């Protein structure tokens, strides 16, 4: 059984992982250094990027012959 291709290319996937790691690491550092709650923006961005990576993984793991859910 073949797997379906994801909607991210290999290059986009690497950039998404890099963006996720950088923003996920930047959030606690800025929380320590900045007095206001602006570090939450980094946390929200990293969660959105993680959601895209997980959606791409789910698309890649779906078999090619499976019917799409409508």
N, C-alpha and C. Protein backbone atom coordinates (compact mmCIF):
# COMPACT_ATOMS: atom_id res chain seq x y z
N UNK A 1 0.84 -1.17 0.00
CA UNK A 1 0.00 0.00 0.00
C UNK A 1 0.90 1.24 0.00
N UNK A 2 0.63 2.17 -0.90
CA UNK A 2 1.43 3.38 -1.00
C UNK A 2 0.88 4.46 -0.07
N UNK A 3 1.79 5.32 0.35
CA UNK A 3 1.39 6.43 1.20
C UNK A 3 1.17 7.68 0.35
N UNK A 4 0.26 8.50 0.79
CA UNK A 4 -0.04 9.73 0.07
C UNK A 4 1.06 10.76 0.35
N UNK A 5 1.36 11.61 -0.61
CA UNK A 5 2.33 12.67 -0.35
C UNK A 5 1.70 13.73 0.56
N UNK A 6 2.51 14.37 1.35
CA UNK A 6 2.02 15.45 2.19
C UNK A 6 1.86 16.72 1.39
N UNK A 7 1.29 17.74 2.01
CA UNK A 7 1.13 19.00 1.31
C UNK A 7 2.34 19.90 1.45
N UNK A 8 3.31 19.50 2.27
CA UNK A 8 4.57 20.23 2.38
C UNK A 8 5.64 19.48 1.61
N UNK A 9 6.49 20.23 0.92
CA UNK A 9 7.63 19.59 0.27
C UNK A 9 8.69 19.30 1.35
N UNK A 10 9.72 18.58 0.97
CA UNK A 10 10.77 18.25 1.94
C UNK A 10 11.45 19.52 2.45
N UNK A 11 11.66 20.47 1.55
CA UNK A 11 12.30 21.73 1.95
C UNK A 11 11.40 22.54 2.89
N UNK A 12 10.11 22.61 2.56
CA UNK A 12 9.17 23.32 3.42
C UNK A 12 9.06 22.66 4.78
N UNK A 13 9.14 21.35 4.78
CA UNK A 13 9.07 20.61 6.03
C UNK A 13 10.28 20.90 6.92
N UNK A 14 11.46 20.96 6.33
CA UNK A 14 12.66 21.32 7.11
C UNK A 14 12.55 22.73 7.67
N UNK A 15 12.08 23.68 6.85
CA UNK A 15 11.91 25.06 7.32
C UNK A 15 10.86 25.14 8.44
N UNK A 16 9.80 24.35 8.34
CA UNK A 16 8.78 24.33 9.38
C UNK A 16 9.35 23.82 10.69
N UNK A 17 10.15 22.75 10.62
CA UNK A 17 10.78 22.24 11.83
C UNK A 17 11.75 23.26 12.43
N UNK A 18 12.52 23.91 11.57
CA UNK A 18 13.44 24.93 12.08
C UNK A 18 12.68 26.08 12.73
N UNK A 19 11.62 26.54 12.08
CA UNK A 19 10.81 27.61 12.65
C UNK A 19 10.18 27.21 13.97
N UNK A 20 9.71 25.97 14.04
CA UNK A 20 9.11 25.48 15.28
C UNK A 20 10.15 25.47 16.41
N UNK A 21 11.31 24.91 16.13
CA UNK A 21 12.34 24.82 17.17
C UNK A 21 12.81 26.19 17.64
N UNK A 22 13.01 27.11 16.68
CA UNK A 22 13.48 28.44 17.06
C UNK A 22 12.45 29.19 17.90
N UNK A 23 11.19 29.15 17.49
CA UNK A 23 10.17 29.88 18.27
C UNK A 23 9.87 29.19 19.59
N UNK A 24 9.94 27.86 19.61
CA UNK A 24 9.71 27.15 20.87
C UNK A 24 10.83 27.41 21.87
N UNK A 25 12.04 27.57 21.39
CA UNK A 25 13.16 27.88 22.29
C UNK A 25 13.19 29.36 22.67
N UNK A 26 12.69 30.21 21.79
CA UNK A 26 12.72 31.64 22.05
C UNK A 26 11.68 32.05 23.09
N UNK A 27 10.57 31.33 23.18
CA UNK A 27 9.48 31.70 24.10
C UNK A 27 9.93 31.70 25.57
N UNK A 28 10.55 30.65 26.09
CA UNK A 28 10.95 30.72 27.50
C UNK A 28 12.08 31.73 27.77
N UNK A 29 12.94 31.92 26.77
CA UNK A 29 14.02 32.90 26.95
C UNK A 29 13.44 34.30 27.05
N UNK A 30 12.51 34.64 26.16
CA UNK A 30 11.92 35.98 26.21
C UNK A 30 11.01 36.12 27.42
N UNK A 31 10.40 35.05 27.91
CA UNK A 31 9.59 35.13 29.11
C UNK A 31 10.45 35.50 30.32
N UNK A 32 11.67 35.03 30.31
CA UNK A 32 12.58 35.34 31.41
C UNK A 32 13.11 36.77 31.32
N UNK A 33 13.35 37.24 30.07
CA UNK A 33 14.00 38.53 29.88
C UNK A 33 13.04 39.71 29.77
N UNK A 34 11.81 39.48 29.31
CA UNK A 34 10.87 40.57 29.07
C UNK A 34 9.79 40.55 30.15
N UNK A 35 9.44 41.71 30.63
CA UNK A 35 8.48 41.81 31.73
C UNK A 35 7.03 41.61 31.28
N UNK A 36 6.70 41.97 30.03
CA UNK A 36 5.31 41.85 29.60
C UNK A 36 5.02 40.45 29.06
N UNK A 37 3.83 40.24 28.55
CA UNK A 37 3.43 38.92 28.08
C UNK A 37 3.65 38.70 26.60
N UNK A 38 4.58 39.44 25.99
CA UNK A 38 4.80 39.30 24.55
C UNK A 38 5.41 37.94 24.18
N UNK A 39 5.93 37.21 25.13
CA UNK A 39 6.49 35.89 24.86
C UNK A 39 5.39 34.91 24.44
N UNK A 40 4.13 35.23 24.77
CA UNK A 40 3.03 34.34 24.37
C UNK A 40 2.87 34.29 22.86
N UNK A 41 3.27 35.36 22.17
CA UNK A 41 3.20 35.35 20.71
C UNK A 41 4.09 34.26 20.14
N UNK A 42 5.30 34.11 20.66
CA UNK A 42 6.20 33.05 20.22
C UNK A 42 5.60 31.68 20.49
N UNK A 43 4.96 31.54 21.60
CA UNK A 43 4.33 30.27 21.94
C UNK A 43 3.19 29.96 20.97
N UNK A 44 2.38 30.96 20.64
CA UNK A 44 1.27 30.74 19.70
C UNK A 44 1.78 30.40 18.31
N UNK A 45 2.84 31.07 17.85
CA UNK A 45 3.40 30.78 16.54
C UNK A 45 3.96 29.37 16.50
N UNK A 46 4.66 28.97 17.54
CA UNK A 46 5.22 27.61 17.55
C UNK A 46 4.12 26.56 17.58
N UNK A 47 3.02 26.82 18.26
CA UNK A 47 1.91 25.88 18.26
C UNK A 47 1.23 25.80 16.90
N UNK A 48 1.12 26.92 16.20
CA UNK A 48 0.53 26.90 14.86
C UNK A 48 1.42 26.13 13.89
N UNK A 49 2.73 26.33 13.97
CA UNK A 49 3.65 25.60 13.09
C UNK A 49 3.62 24.11 13.43
N UNK A 50 3.53 23.78 14.70
CA UNK A 50 3.44 22.38 15.10
C UNK A 50 2.16 21.74 14.56
N UNK A 51 1.07 22.50 14.52
CA UNK A 51 -0.18 21.99 13.97
C UNK A 51 -0.04 21.69 12.49
N UNK A 52 0.66 22.54 11.76
CA UNK A 52 0.88 22.31 10.33
C UNK A 52 1.74 21.06 10.12
N UNK A 53 2.77 20.89 10.93
CA UNK A 53 3.62 19.71 10.82
C UNK A 53 2.83 18.44 11.12
N UNK A 54 1.99 18.48 12.14
CA UNK A 54 1.16 17.31 12.48
C UNK A 54 0.14 17.00 11.38
N UNK A 55 -0.44 18.03 10.79
CA UNK A 55 -1.40 17.81 9.70
C UNK A 55 -0.69 17.20 8.49
N UNK A 56 0.52 17.64 8.21
CA UNK A 56 1.28 17.07 7.11
C UNK A 56 1.62 15.61 7.40
N UNK A 57 1.98 15.29 8.64
CA UNK A 57 2.25 13.91 9.01
C UNK A 57 1.01 13.04 8.83
N UNK A 58 -0.14 13.55 9.24
CA UNK A 58 -1.37 12.77 9.10
C UNK A 58 -1.69 12.54 7.63
N UNK A 59 -1.44 13.54 6.78
CA UNK A 59 -1.69 13.38 5.34
C UNK A 59 -0.73 12.36 4.74
N UNK A 60 0.51 12.37 5.18
CA UNK A 60 1.51 11.43 4.65
C UNK A 60 1.20 9.99 5.08
N UNK A 61 0.62 9.80 6.23
CA UNK A 61 0.36 8.45 6.73
C UNK A 61 -0.91 7.84 6.16
N UNK A 62 -1.73 8.65 5.51
CA UNK A 62 -2.98 8.14 4.92
C UNK A 62 -2.64 7.35 3.67
N UNK A 63 -3.24 6.17 3.51
CA UNK A 63 -3.00 5.41 2.28
C UNK A 63 -3.54 6.14 1.06
N UNK A 64 -2.93 5.89 -0.10
CA UNK A 64 -3.34 6.58 -1.32
C UNK A 64 -4.76 6.20 -1.70
N UNK A 65 -5.14 4.92 -1.52
CA UNK A 65 -6.45 4.50 -1.99
C UNK A 65 -7.57 4.81 -1.00
N UNK A 66 -7.28 5.45 0.11
CA UNK A 66 -8.34 5.78 1.07
C UNK A 66 -9.20 6.92 0.52
N UNK A 67 -10.48 6.83 0.76
CA UNK A 67 -11.39 7.88 0.33
C UNK A 67 -11.27 9.09 1.24
N UNK A 68 -11.18 10.29 0.70
CA UNK A 68 -11.11 11.47 1.55
C UNK A 68 -12.43 11.70 2.27
N UNK A 69 -12.36 12.15 3.49
CA UNK A 69 -13.55 12.46 4.28
C UNK A 69 -14.10 13.79 3.82
N UNK A 70 -15.37 13.82 3.53
CA UNK A 70 -16.00 15.05 3.06
C UNK A 70 -16.88 15.65 4.10
